[in-house]
C-alpha atoms as a PDB file:
ATOM      1  CA  MET A   1     -52.372 105.396 -85.845  1.00  0.00           C
ATOM      2  CA  GLN A   2     -52.478 107.637 -88.358  1.00  0.00           C
ATOM      3  CA  GLN A   3     -54.969 109.629 -87.192  1.00  0.00           C
ATOM      4  CA  LEU A   4     -53.117 110.474 -83.891  1.00  0.00           C
ATOM      5  CA  LEU A   5     -49.859 111.636 -86.371  1.00  0.00           C
ATOM      6  CA  ALA A   6     -52.129 113.556 -88.102  1.00  0.00           C
ATOM      7  CA  ARG A   7     -53.463 115.330 -85.127  1.00  0.00           C
ATOM      8  CA  GLY A   8     -49.775 115.610 -84.030  1.00  0.00           C
ATOM      9  CA  TYR A   9     -48.245 117.362 -86.975  1.00  0.00           C
ATOM     10  CA  ARG A  10     -51.329 119.773 -86.898  1.00  0.00           C
ATOM     11  CA  ARG A  11     -50.495 120.866 -83.055  1.00  0.00           C
ATOM     12  CA  PHE A  12     -46.823 121.169 -84.462  1.00  0.00           C
ATOM     13  CA  GLN A  13     -47.373 123.207 -87.801  1.00  0.00           C
ATOM     14  CA  GLN A  14     -50.143 125.628 -85.719  1.00  0.00           C
ATOM     15  CA  GLY A  15     -47.398 126.060 -82.654  1.00  0.00           C
ATOM     16  CA  PHE A  16     -44.525 126.438 -85.007  1.00  0.00           C
ATOM     17  CA  LYS A  17     -46.511 128.923 -87.567  1.00  0.00           C
ATOM     18  CA  THR A  18     -46.926 131.088 -84.146  1.00  0.00           C
ATOM     19  CA  HIS A  19     -43.699 131.635 -83.338  1.00  0.00           C
ATOM     20  CA  LEU A  20     -42.116 132.329 -86.589  1.00  0.00           C
ATOM     21  CA  MET A  21     -45.170 134.911 -87.238  1.00  0.00           C
ATOM     22  CA  ARG A  22     -44.086 136.655 -83.692  1.00  0.00           C
ATOM     23  CA  ARG A  23     -40.452 136.832 -85.078  1.00  0.00           C
ATOM     24  CA  GLY A  24     -41.977 137.735 -88.323  1.00  0.00           C
ATOM     25  CA  ARG A  25     -40.697 135.069 -90.503  1.00  0.00           C
ATOM     26  CA  PHE A  26     -44.003 133.236 -91.853  1.00  0.00           C
ATOM     27  CA  ALA A  27     -43.163 134.035 -95.372  1.00  0.00           C
ATOM     28  CA  GLN A  28     -39.910 132.975 -95.240  1.00  0.00           C
ATOM     29  CA  LYS A  29     -40.250 129.556 -93.727  1.00  0.00           C
ATOM     30  CA  SER A  30     -43.563 128.314 -95.422  1.00  0.00           C
ATOM     31  CA  VAL A  31     -41.658 125.769 -97.369  1.00  0.00           C
ATOM     32  CA  VAL A  32     -40.503 124.263 -94.329  1.00  0.00           C
ATOM     33  CA  PHE A  33     -44.325 123.434 -93.388  1.00  0.00           C
ATOM     34  CA  LYS A  34     -44.882 121.799 -97.249  1.00  0.00           C
ATOM     35  CA  SER A  35     -41.834 119.714 -96.657  1.00  0.00           C
ATOM     36  CA  MET A  36     -42.870 118.609 -93.704  1.00  0.00           C
ATOM     37  CA  ALA A  37     -46.278 117.716 -94.878  1.00  0.00           C
ATOM     38  CA  VAL A  38     -45.096 115.471 -98.002  1.00  0.00           C
ATOM     39  CA  LEU A  39     -42.244 113.826 -95.567  1.00  0.00           C
ATOM     40  CA  THR A  40     -45.194 112.745 -92.962  1.00  0.00           C
ATOM     41  CA  GLY A  41     -47.254 111.509 -95.862  1.00  0.00           C
ATOM     42  CA  VAL A  42     -44.297 109.320 -97.286  1.00  0.00           C
ATOM     43  CA  SER A  43     -43.770 108.063 -93.416  1.00  0.00           C
ATOM     44  CA  LEU A  44     -47.370 106.629 -93.247  1.00  0.00           C
ATOM     45  CA  THR A  45     -47.718 105.602 -96.851  1.00  0.00           C
ATOM     46  CA  ALA A  46     -44.408 103.707 -95.990  1.00  0.00           C
ATOM     47  CA  CYS A  47     -45.461 102.003 -93.010  1.00  0.00           C
ATOM     48  CA  SER A  48     -48.724 101.262 -94.415  1.00  0.00           C
ATOM     49  CA  SER A  49     -47.183  99.129 -97.529  1.00  0.00           C
ATOM     50  CA  ILE A  50     -44.556  97.394 -95.588  1.00  0.00           C
ATOM     51  CA  GLN A  51     -47.138  96.538 -92.857  1.00  0.00           C
ATOM     52  CA  ASN A  52     -49.678  94.905 -96.017  1.00  0.00           C
ATOM     53  CA  LYS A  53     -45.767  93.257 -97.609  1.00  0.00           C
ATOM     54  CA  ARG A  54     -45.882  91.832 -94.102  1.00  0.00           C
ATOM     55  CA  THR A  55     -48.995  90.093 -93.902  1.00  0.00           C
ATOM     56  CA  ALA A  56     -49.180  88.890 -97.389  1.00  0.00           C
ATOM     57  CA  GLN A  57     -45.892  87.250 -96.684  1.00  0.00           C
ATOM     58  CA  THR A  58     -47.058  85.659 -93.653  1.00  0.00           C
ATOM     59  CA  ASN A  59     -50.426  84.816 -95.053  1.00  0.00           C
ATOM     60  CA  GLU A  60     -48.643  82.868 -98.405  1.00  0.00           C
ATOM     61  CA  ALA A  61     -46.018  80.949 -96.101  1.00  0.00           C
ATOM     62  CA  LEU A  62     -48.958  79.658 -94.191  1.00  0.00           C
ATOM     63  CA  ALA A  63     -50.927  78.941 -97.605  1.00  0.00           C
ATOM     64  CA  ASN A  64     -47.858  77.163 -98.659  1.00  0.00           C
ATOM     65  CA  ALA A  65     -46.438  74.956 -95.718  1.00  0.00           C
ATOM     66  CA  PRO A  66     -46.769  71.244 -95.459  1.00  0.00           C
ATOM     67  CA  ALA A  67     -49.652  69.882 -93.982  1.00  0.00           C
ATOM     68  CA  GLY A  68     -49.270  69.321 -89.979  1.00  0.00           C
ATOM     69  CA  LEU A  69     -46.836  71.010 -89.558  1.00  0.00           C
ATOM     70  CA  ILE A  70     -48.939  74.289 -88.840  1.00  0.00           C
ATOM     71  CA  ALA A  71     -48.908  75.186 -84.874  1.00  0.00           C
ATOM     72  CA  ASN A  72     -52.454  74.964 -83.072  1.00  0.00           C
ATOM     73  CA  PRO A  73     -53.652  78.911 -83.252  1.00  0.00           C
ATOM     74  CA  GLN A  74     -54.737  78.133 -79.559  1.00  0.00           C
ATOM     75  CA  SER A  75     -50.874  77.393 -78.273  1.00  0.00           C
ATOM     76  CA  ASN A  76     -49.949  80.794 -77.797  1.00  0.00           C
ATOM     77  CA  GLY A  77     -47.484  80.869 -80.544  1.00  0.00           C
ATOM     78  CA  LEU A  78     -45.008  78.183 -78.768  1.00  0.00           C
ATOM     79  CA  LEU A  79     -44.015  75.649 -81.320  1.00  0.00           C
ATOM     80  CA  GLY A  80     -45.159  71.859 -80.330  1.00  0.00           C
ATOM     81  CA  ALA A  81     -49.072  72.401 -79.770  1.00  0.00           C
ATOM     82  CA  GLY A  82     -50.427  70.713 -82.410  1.00  0.00           C
ATOM     83  CA  VAL A  83     -47.720  69.616 -84.443  1.00  0.00           C
ATOM     84  CA  SER A  84     -47.778  66.461 -85.888  1.00  0.00           C
ATOM     85  CA  PRO A  85     -44.894  64.719 -87.493  1.00  0.00           C
ATOM     86  CA  GLN A  86     -44.155  63.527 -91.121  1.00  0.00           C
ATOM     87  CA  ILE A  87     -41.384  60.980 -90.824  1.00  0.00           C
ATOM     88  CA  GLN A  88     -42.166  57.856 -91.842  1.00  0.00           C
ATOM     89  CA  ILE A  89     -40.715  54.280 -90.572  1.00  0.00           C
ATOM     90  CA  ASP A  90     -38.746  53.212 -94.070  1.00  0.00           C
ATOM     91  CA  GLN A  91     -37.207  57.509 -93.566  1.00  0.00           C
ATOM     92  CA  LEU A  92     -35.829  56.677 -90.385  1.00  0.00           C
ATOM     93  CA  PRO A  93     -31.870  56.470 -90.682  1.00  0.00           C
ATOM     94  CA  ALA A  94     -29.865  52.784 -90.262  1.00  0.00           C
ATOM     95  CA  GLU A  95     -28.977  51.793 -86.942  1.00  0.00           C
ATOM     96  CA  GLU A  96     -24.659  52.127 -87.785  1.00  0.00           C
ATOM     97  CA  ASP A  97     -25.260  55.495 -89.291  1.00  0.00           C
ATOM     98  CA  ILE A  98     -26.970  56.727 -86.249  1.00  0.00           C
ATOM     99  CA  VAL A  99     -24.247  59.210 -84.425  1.00  0.00           C
ATOM    100  CA  TRP A 100     -24.549  58.923 -80.581  1.00  0.00           C
ATOM    101  CA  ALA A 101     -24.576  62.198 -78.715  1.00  0.00           C
ATOM    102  CA  PRO A 102     -22.840  62.442 -75.783  1.00  0.00           C
ATOM    103  CA  GLU A 103     -25.212  63.231 -72.415  1.00  0.00           C
ATOM    104  CA  ASP A 104     -22.740  66.009 -71.553  1.00  0.00           C
ATOM    105  CA  GLU A 105     -23.735  68.671 -73.858  1.00  0.00           C
ATOM    106  CA  SER A 106     -20.590  70.719 -73.143  1.00  0.00           C
ATOM    107  CA  ILE A 107     -18.948  67.622 -75.322  1.00  0.00           C
ATOM    108  CA  PRO A 108     -18.295  67.854 -78.671  1.00  0.00           C
ATOM    109  CA  ILE A 109     -20.482  65.410 -80.781  1.00  0.00           C
ATOM    110  CA  PRO A 110     -18.275  62.333 -82.420  1.00  0.00           C
ATOM    111  CA  GLY A 111     -17.602  63.706 -86.363  1.00  0.00           C
ATOM    112  CA  PHE A 112     -18.773  66.706 -86.107  1.00  0.00           C
ATOM    113  CA  GLU A 113     -15.922  68.371 -84.146  1.00  0.00           C
ATOM    114  CA  ASN A 114     -14.783  71.949 -86.333  1.00  0.00           C
ATOM    115  CA  VAL A 115     -11.184  71.293 -86.313  1.00  0.00           C
ATOM    116  CA  ALA A 116      -8.751  70.566 -89.063  1.00  0.00           C
ATOM    117  CA  PRO A 117      -7.637  66.827 -89.112  1.00  0.00           C
ATOM    118  CA  SER A 118      -4.253  68.312 -90.085  1.00  0.00           C
ATOM    119  CA  GLN A 119      -3.850  69.486 -86.810  1.00  0.00           C
ATOM    120  CA  LYS A 120      -1.142  67.103 -84.669  1.00  0.00           C
ATOM    121  CA  LYS A 121       0.838  67.014 -81.326  1.00  0.00           C
ATOM    122  CA  LYS A 122       4.528  68.288 -81.331  1.00  0.00           C
ATOM    123  CA  ASP A 123       5.093  67.329 -78.034  1.00  0.00           C
ATOM    124  CA  ASP A 124       3.286  66.342 -75.047  1.00  0.00           C
ATOM    125  CA  TRP A 125       0.192  68.830 -75.631  1.00  0.00           C
ATOM    126  CA  GLU A 126      -3.265  67.813 -77.300  1.00  0.00           C
ATOM    127  CA  VAL A 127      -4.375  69.836 -79.328  1.00  0.00           C
ATOM    128  CA  SER A 128      -7.579  68.508 -80.021  1.00  0.00           C
ATOM    129  CA  TYR A 129     -10.517  68.766 -77.499  1.00  0.00           C
ATOM    130  CA  SER A 130     -12.096  65.622 -78.030  1.00  0.00           C
ATOM    131  CA  GLN A 131      -9.113  63.789 -78.631  1.00  0.00           C
ATOM    132  CA  ALA A 132      -7.620  65.123 -74.826  1.00  0.00           C
ATOM    133  CA  LEU A 133     -11.320  63.887 -73.035  1.00  0.00           C
ATOM    134  CA  LYS A 134     -11.158  60.449 -74.872  1.00  0.00           C
ATOM    135  CA  VAL A 135      -7.673  60.160 -73.364  1.00  0.00           C
ATOM    136  CA  ALA A 136      -8.820  61.068 -70.206  1.00  0.00           C
ATOM    137  CA  ARG A 137     -11.573  59.194 -69.864  1.00  0.00           C
ATOM    138  CA  SER A 138      -9.933  55.857 -70.990  1.00  0.00           C
ATOM    139  CA  ARG A 139      -6.822  56.667 -68.296  1.00  0.00           C
ATOM    140  CA  GLY A 140      -8.960  58.009 -65.542  1.00  0.00           C
ATOM    141  CA  LYS A 141      -7.206  61.205 -65.377  1.00  0.00           C
ATOM    142  CA  PRO A 142      -8.204  65.440 -65.718  1.00  0.00           C
ATOM    143  CA  VAL A 143      -7.614  66.969 -68.725  1.00  0.00           C
ATOM    144  CA  LEU A 144      -5.463  70.780 -68.077  1.00  0.00           C
ATOM    145  CA  MET A 145      -6.200  72.707 -70.513  1.00  0.00           C
ATOM    146  CA  TRP A 146      -4.118  75.700 -71.505  1.00  0.00           C
ATOM    147  CA  PHE A 147      -5.319  78.918 -73.453  1.00  0.00           C
ATOM    148  CA  THR A 148      -2.170  80.312 -74.489  1.00  0.00           C
ATOM    149  CA  ASN A 149      -0.727  83.454 -77.550  1.00  0.00           C
ATOM    150  CA  SER A 150       2.926  81.804 -77.557  1.00  0.00           C
ATOM    151  CA  ALA A 151       3.997  84.704 -80.259  1.00  0.00           C
ATOM    152  CA  ARG A 152       2.872  87.321 -78.401  1.00  0.00           C
ATOM    153  CA  SER A 153       2.113  87.301 -75.171  1.00  0.00           C
ATOM    154  CA  GLN A 154       4.875  87.355 -72.673  1.00  0.00           C
ATOM    155  CA  ASN A 155       3.157  86.491 -69.838  1.00  0.00           C
ATOM    156  CA  CYS A 156       2.700  83.230 -72.104  1.00  0.00           C
ATOM    157  CA  LYS A 157       5.901  82.790 -72.773  1.00  0.00           C
ATOM    158  CA  ALA A 158       6.945  83.094 -69.222  1.00  0.00           C
ATOM    159  CA  LEU A 159       4.592  80.311 -67.963  1.00  0.00           C
ATOM    160  CA  GLY A 160       5.876  77.698 -70.703  1.00  0.00           C
ATOM    161  CA  ASN A 161       9.557  78.285 -69.564  1.00  0.00           C
ATOM    162  CA  GLU A 162       9.491  78.763 -66.096  1.00  0.00           C
ATOM    163  CA  LEU A 163       6.710  75.497 -65.597  1.00  0.00           C
ATOM    164  CA  PHE A 164       5.026  73.792 -68.460  1.00  0.00           C
ATOM    165  CA  GLY A 165       8.195  73.274 -70.072  1.00  0.00           C
ATOM    166  CA  LYS A 166      10.188  71.848 -66.994  1.00  0.00           C
ATOM    167  CA  THR A 167      11.031  68.454 -66.998  1.00  0.00           C
ATOM    168  CA  GLU A 168      10.048  67.988 -63.209  1.00  0.00           C
ATOM    169  CA  PHE A 169       6.198  69.117 -64.426  1.00  0.00           C
ATOM    170  CA  LEU A 170       6.524  67.154 -67.657  1.00  0.00           C
ATOM    171  CA  GLU A 171       6.625  64.051 -65.730  1.00  0.00           C
ATOM    172  CA  TRP A 172       4.073  65.155 -62.624  1.00  0.00           C
ATOM    173  CA  ALA A 173       1.565  65.897 -66.083  1.00  0.00           C
ATOM    174  CA  LYS A 174       2.368  62.651 -67.209  1.00  0.00           C
ATOM    175  CA  GLN A 175       1.407  60.474 -64.696  1.00  0.00           C
ATOM    176  CA  ASN A 176      -1.395  62.869 -63.432  1.00  0.00           C
ATOM    177  CA  VAL A 177      -3.287  65.084 -65.889  1.00  0.00           C
ATOM    178  CA  VAL A 178      -3.627  64.932 -69.971  1.00  0.00           C
ATOM    179  CA  LEU A 179      -2.424  68.007 -71.446  1.00  0.00           C
ATOM    180  CA  LEU A 180      -4.424  70.185 -73.975  1.00  0.00           C
ATOM    181  CA  ARG A 181      -2.967  73.635 -75.396  1.00  0.00           C
ATOM    182  CA  LEU A 182      -5.363  75.726 -77.364  1.00  0.00           C
ATOM    183  CA  ASP A 183      -2.431  78.165 -78.791  1.00  0.00           C
ATOM    184  CA  THR A 184      -3.924  81.013 -81.011  1.00  0.00           C
ATOM    185  CA  ALA A 185      -0.371  81.553 -82.217  1.00  0.00           C
ATOM    186  CA  ILE A 186      -1.109  80.108 -85.695  1.00  0.00           C
ATOM    187  CA  SER A 187       1.108  81.218 -88.538  1.00  0.00           C
ATOM    188  CA  LYS A 188      -0.509  82.540 -91.615  1.00  0.00           C
ATOM    189  CA  ASP A 189       0.454  80.406 -94.247  1.00  0.00           C
ATOM    190  CA  GLU A 190      -0.552  76.883 -91.985  1.00  0.00           C
ATOM    191  CA  ALA A 191      -3.277  74.805 -93.426  1.00  0.00           C
ATOM    192  CA  GLY A 192      -6.420  75.648 -91.842  1.00  0.00           C
ATOM    193  CA  ARG A 193      -5.755  78.234 -90.078  1.00  0.00           C
ATOM    194  CA  THR A 194      -8.695  79.625 -89.911  1.00  0.00           C
ATOM    195  CA  ALA A 195     -10.555  76.453 -88.979  1.00  0.00           C
ATOM    196  CA  LYS A 196      -8.390  76.009 -85.990  1.00  0.00           C
ATOM    197  CA  LEU A 197      -8.667  79.915 -84.990  1.00  0.00           C
ATOM    198  CA  ALA A 198     -12.383  79.232 -84.990  1.00  0.00           C
ATOM    199  CA  TYR A 199     -12.012  75.896 -83.288  1.00  0.00           C
ATOM    200  CA  ILE A 200     -10.388  77.611 -80.425  1.00  0.00           C
ATOM    201  CA  GLU A 201     -12.488  80.415 -80.103  1.00  0.00           C
ATOM    202  CA  LYS A 202     -15.680  78.484 -79.832  1.00  0.00           C
ATOM    203  CA  LEU A 203     -13.784  76.628 -76.841  1.00  0.00           C
ATOM    204  CA  ARG A 204     -13.279  79.928 -75.306  1.00  0.00           C
ATOM    205  CA  LYS A 205     -16.970  81.376 -75.287  1.00  0.00           C
ATOM    206  CA  ARG A 206     -18.406  77.616 -74.261  1.00  0.00           C
ATOM    207  CA  HIS A 207     -15.545  78.059 -70.806  1.00  0.00           C
ATOM    208  CA  LYS A 208     -16.447  81.945 -70.958  1.00  0.00           C
ATOM    209  CA  VAL A 209     -11.920  82.732 -71.586  1.00  0.00           C
ATOM    210  CA  LEU A 210     -10.971  85.943 -71.721  1.00  0.00           C
ATOM    211  CA  GLY A 211      -7.198  86.868 -72.351  1.00  0.00           C
ATOM    212  CA  ASN A 212      -3.991  84.917 -71.786  1.00  0.00           C
ATOM    213  CA  PRO A 213      -2.881  82.443 -70.258  1.00  0.00           C
ATOM    214  CA  VAL A 214      -5.603  80.692 -68.403  1.00  0.00           C
ATOM    215  CA  ILE A 215      -5.363  77.046 -67.308  1.00  0.00           C
ATOM    216  CA  LEU A 216      -8.466  75.201 -66.809  1.00  0.00           C
ATOM    217  CA  MET A 217      -8.965  71.892 -65.074  1.00  0.00           C
ATOM    218  CA  MET A 218     -11.071  69.520 -66.630  1.00  0.00           C
ATOM    219  CA  SER A 219     -12.537  66.307 -64.993  1.00  0.00           C
ATOM    220  CA  PRO A 220     -12.932  63.274 -67.285  1.00  0.00           C
ATOM    221  CA  SER A 221     -16.595  64.152 -66.675  1.00  0.00           C
ATOM    222  CA  GLY A 222     -16.116  66.753 -68.772  1.00  0.00           C
ATOM    223  CA  LYS A 223     -16.463  69.236 -65.610  1.00  0.00           C
ATOM    224  CA  VAL A 224     -14.464  72.319 -65.153  1.00  0.00           C
ATOM    225  CA  LEU A 225     -13.095  72.594 -61.571  1.00  0.00           C
ATOM    226  CA  ASP A 226     -11.513  75.493 -61.811  1.00  0.00           C
ATOM    227  CA  LYS A 227      -9.955  78.127 -63.551  1.00  0.00           C
ATOM    228  CA  ILE A 228      -6.685  79.688 -62.908  1.00  0.00           C
ATOM    229  CA  VAL A 229      -6.399  83.188 -64.912  1.00  0.00           C
ATOM    230  CA  GLY A 230      -3.067  85.422 -66.063  1.00  0.00           C
ATOM    231  CA  TYR A 231       0.814  84.175 -64.811  1.00  0.00           C
ATOM    232  CA  SER A 232       3.350  86.673 -63.941  1.00  0.00           C
ATOM    233  CA  SER A 233       7.133  85.428 -63.887  1.00  0.00           C
ATOM    234  CA  GLY A 234       8.433  84.345 -60.801  1.00  0.00           C
ATOM    235  CA  ARG A 235       4.703  82.601 -59.807  1.00  0.00           C
ATOM    236  CA  SER A 236       5.691  79.076 -60.866  1.00  0.00           C
ATOM    237  CA  ARG A 237       5.496  77.570 -56.934  1.00  0.00           C
ATOM    238  CA  SER A 238       1.966  79.415 -56.244  1.00  0.00           C
ATOM    239  CA  THR A 239       0.805  78.095 -60.151  1.00  0.00           C
ATOM    240  CA  LYS A 240       1.449  74.902 -59.862  1.00  0.00           C
ATOM    241  CA  GLU A 241       0.197  74.919 -56.622  1.00  0.00           C
ATOM    242  CA  LYS A 242      -3.067  75.984 -57.456  1.00  0.00           C
ATOM    243  CA  ILE A 243      -2.984  73.306 -60.139  1.00  0.00           C
ATOM    244  CA  ASP A 244      -2.343  70.829 -57.531  1.00  0.00           C
ATOM    245  CA  ALA A 245      -5.525  71.489 -55.450  1.00  0.00           C
ATOM    246  CA  ALA A 246      -7.748  71.913 -58.919  1.00  0.00           C
ATOM    247  CA  HIS A 247      -6.236  68.147 -59.684  1.00  0.00           C
ATOM    248  CA  HIS A 248      -7.560  67.537 -56.438  1.00  0.00           C
ATOM    249  CA  PHE A 249     -10.985  68.219 -57.061  1.00  0.00           C
ATOM    250  CA  ALA A 250     -11.162  67.073 -60.507  1.00  0.00           C
ATOM    251  CA  MET A 251     -10.273  63.295 -59.137  1.00  0.00           C
ATOM    252  CA  LEU A 252     -12.818  63.551 -56.806  1.00  0.00           C
ATOM    253  CA  ASP A 253     -15.723  64.394 -59.365  1.00  0.00           C
ATOM    254  CA  TYR A 254     -13.753  62.087 -61.076  1.00  0.00           C
ATOM    255  CA  GLY A 255     -14.439  59.523 -58.660  1.00  0.00           C
ATOM    256  CA  LYS A 256     -18.285  60.090 -58.328  1.00  0.00           C
ATOM    257  CA  TRP A 257     -19.016  60.322 -62.188  1.00  0.00           C
ATOM    258  CA  ARG A 258     -17.168  57.120 -62.862  1.00  0.00           C
ATOM    259  CA  GLU A 259     -19.121  55.684 -59.517  1.00  0.00           C
ATOM    260  CA  ARG A 260     -22.585  56.401 -61.376  1.00  0.00           C
ATOM    261  CA  LEU A 261     -21.419  55.013 -64.773  1.00  0.00           C
ATOM    262  CA  GLU A 262     -20.342  52.033 -63.285  1.00  0.00           C
ATOM    263  CA  ARG A 263     -23.948  51.254 -61.703  1.00  0.00           C
ATOM    264  CA  LYS A 264     -25.201  51.696 -65.546  1.00  0.00           C
ATOM    265  CA  GLY A 265     -22.730  48.731 -66.976  1.00  0.00           C
ATOM    266  CA  TYR A 266     -19.707  50.816 -67.474  1.00  0.00           C
ATOM    267  CA  ARG A 267     -15.931  49.414 -66.992  1.00  0.00           C
ATOM    268  CA  MET A 268     -12.590  49.845 -67.282  1.00  0.00           C
ATOM    269  CA  TRP A 269     -11.388  47.261 -70.463  1.00  0.00           C
ATOM    270  CA  ILE A 270      -7.894  46.357 -70.961  1.00  0.00           C
ATOM    271  CA  ASP A 271      -6.675  44.797 -74.323  1.00  0.00           C
ATOM    272  CA  VAL A 272      -3.137  42.668 -74.857  1.00  0.00           C
ATOM    273  CA  GLN A 273      -1.678  46.478 -76.119  1.00  0.00           C
ATOM    274  CA  ASP A 274      -2.475  47.852 -71.884  1.00  0.00           C
ATOM    275  CA  ARG A 275      -4.717  50.271 -74.259  1.00  0.00           C
ATOM    276  CA  GLN A 276      -7.763  51.399 -71.917  1.00  0.00           C
ATOM    277  CA  VAL A 277     -10.839  52.165 -72.592  1.00  0.00           C
ATOM    278  CA  PHE A 278     -13.922  53.005 -70.224  1.00  0.00           C
ATOM    279  CA  ALA A 279     -16.813  52.032 -71.923  1.00  0.00           C
ATOM    280  CA  LYS A 280     -20.351  49.710 -71.381  1.00  0.00           C
ATOM    281  CA  LEU A 281     -21.023  46.091 -73.116  1.00  0.00           C
ATOM    282  CA  VAL A 282     -24.004  46.131 -75.515  1.00  0.00           C
ATOM    283  CA  ARG A 283     -23.328  43.200 -77.011  1.00  0.00           C
ATOM    284  CA  TYR A 284     -21.612  39.552 -77.104  1.00  0.00           C
ATOM    285  CA  HIS A 285     -21.654  37.302 -79.909  1.00  0.00           C
ATOM    286  CA  GLU A 286     -19.537  34.312 -80.625  1.00  0.00           C
ATOM    287  CA  GLY A 287     -16.546  35.990 -78.924  1.00  0.00           C
ATOM    288  CA  ASN A 288     -17.104  39.230 -80.843  1.00  0.00           C
ATOM    289  CA  LEU A 289     -17.785  42.309 -78.055  1.00  0.00           C
ATOM    290  CA  TRP A 290     -19.469  45.800 -79.110  1.00  0.00           C
ATOM    291  CA  LEU A 291     -18.703  48.312 -76.641  1.00  0.00           C
ATOM    292  CA  ILE A 292     -20.393  52.061 -76.238  1.00  0.00           C
ATOM    293  CA  GLU A 293     -18.402  54.477 -74.587  1.00  0.00           C
ATOM    294  CA  ALA A 294     -19.179  57.633 -72.029  1.00  0.00           C
ATOM    295  CA  ASP A 295     -19.328  59.778 -74.995  1.00  0.00           C
ATOM    296  CA  GLY A 296     -20.989  57.873 -77.571  1.00  0.00           C
ATOM    297  CA  THR A 297     -18.923  56.369 -79.445  1.00  0.00           C
ATOM    298  CA  LYS A 298     -19.232  52.341 -80.455  1.00  0.00           C
ATOM    299  CA  GLY A 299     -16.549  50.354 -81.085  1.00  0.00           C
ATOM    300  CA  LYS A 300     -16.203  46.964 -81.441  1.00  0.00           C
ATOM    301  CA  THR A 301     -13.315  44.353 -80.999  1.00  0.00           C
ATOM    302  CA  HIS A 302     -12.839  40.383 -80.052  1.00  0.00           C
ATOM    303  CA  GLU A 303     -12.481  38.766 -76.572  1.00  0.00           C
ATOM    304  CA  SER A 304      -8.790  37.149 -77.857  1.00  0.00           C
ATOM    305  CA  LYS A 305      -7.602  40.931 -77.961  1.00  0.00           C
ATOM    306  CA  LEU A 306      -8.298  41.541 -73.999  1.00  0.00           C
ATOM    307  CA  SER A 307      -6.672  41.293 -71.515  1.00  0.00           C
ATOM    308  CA  GLU A 308      -6.627  38.074 -69.197  1.00  0.00           C
ATOM    309  CA  ALA A 309      -8.498  39.822 -66.002  1.00  0.00           C
ATOM    310  CA  ASP A 310     -11.187  41.040 -69.124  1.00  0.00           C
ATOM    311  CA  GLN A 311     -11.606  37.349 -70.464  1.00  0.00           C
ATOM    312  CA  GLN A 312     -11.672  35.666 -67.378  1.00  0.00           C
ATOM    313  CA  TRP A 313     -14.468  38.614 -66.606  1.00  0.00           C
ATOM    314  CA  ILE A 314     -16.269  37.246 -69.612  1.00  0.00           C
ATOM    315  CA  GLU A 315     -16.363  33.710 -68.692  1.00  0.00           C
ATOM    316  CA  THR A 316     -17.361  34.983 -65.419  1.00  0.00           C
ATOM    317  CA  GLU A 317     -20.826  36.620 -66.720  1.00  0.00           C
ATOM    318  CA  LYS A 318     -21.227  33.850 -68.561  1.00  0.00           C
ATOM    319  CA  ALA A 319     -21.280  31.280 -65.957  1.00  0.00           C
ATOM    320  CA  LYS A 320     -24.194  33.798 -64.464  1.00  0.00           C
ATOM    321  CA  LYS A 321     -25.970  33.512 -67.722  1.00  0.00           C
ATOM    322  CA  GLU A 322     -26.035  30.257 -67.787  1.00  0.00           C
ATOM    323  CA  GLN A 323     -26.829  29.771 -64.062  1.00  0.00           C
ATOM    324  CA  SER A 324     -29.583  31.886 -63.585  1.00  0.00           C
ATOM    325  CA  SER A 325     -31.153  29.960 -67.367  1.00  0.00           C
ATOM    326  CA  LEU A 326     -31.375  26.422 -65.047  1.00  0.00           C
END
């Protein structure tokens, strides 16, 4: 490489020298050649120095790496080939310390959602993605996500006044969807403002949302079925029709998703306070039940707190088990 650079420089120097001599200014420009020669030498030296430094750093890293954590030289540089585990059995976390990750990668892992805990509902709209999805799954309803800026966007204000703020719509929503509003109009003095804005921006990137307002209809399975972009004053009726269509497809998706999970043992549990949870029974002992939800959330309850229908289901399952053991 150095020989090629030097050869190219000599050709350029000779050509430029001939050009200047023809114009009678070679003597005045001789300093140019000296400067270029110095710069070329410095560049070649710098390149060599950088390469030597990188080589030394690589050798040092390989020398200090723990045994078993260096990839096989014949693995074409792909991590994994030739790697051996270094964790011992006694280093594994206890069962109660494990956080179960959702099957759907788009769903935040419980306990790791970056949103200020002080963020609370002010009206019929949820403000937490994970909470809205949890409610959606427990009630069997899609999530209507509204990305908005209520302070700056006139179209967002119009959508709120002409559709989302109407009593008729709110009554429909209570029966059919879980409302989730993601509003970037957060005052500068509000606690956790930076975290809340970052949280909304993360959801925007995940769902490829640009501008305001944008409406998403998401099935309880976590799948987005439709995206409604923009709004103009006077379009409340056509927007509601689009929402109705999106809700229809979201419910179809939910039905298929629920059927798949029911085949795996999941069912809807209802307690004496009429609260619902879609979960799978993973353990039963002396009236205590351990349940796990579709997103990995684990819970424990007692059969006395369940509805009569669920208590009867438990008795039926116990009878089946006793019968099979005979």
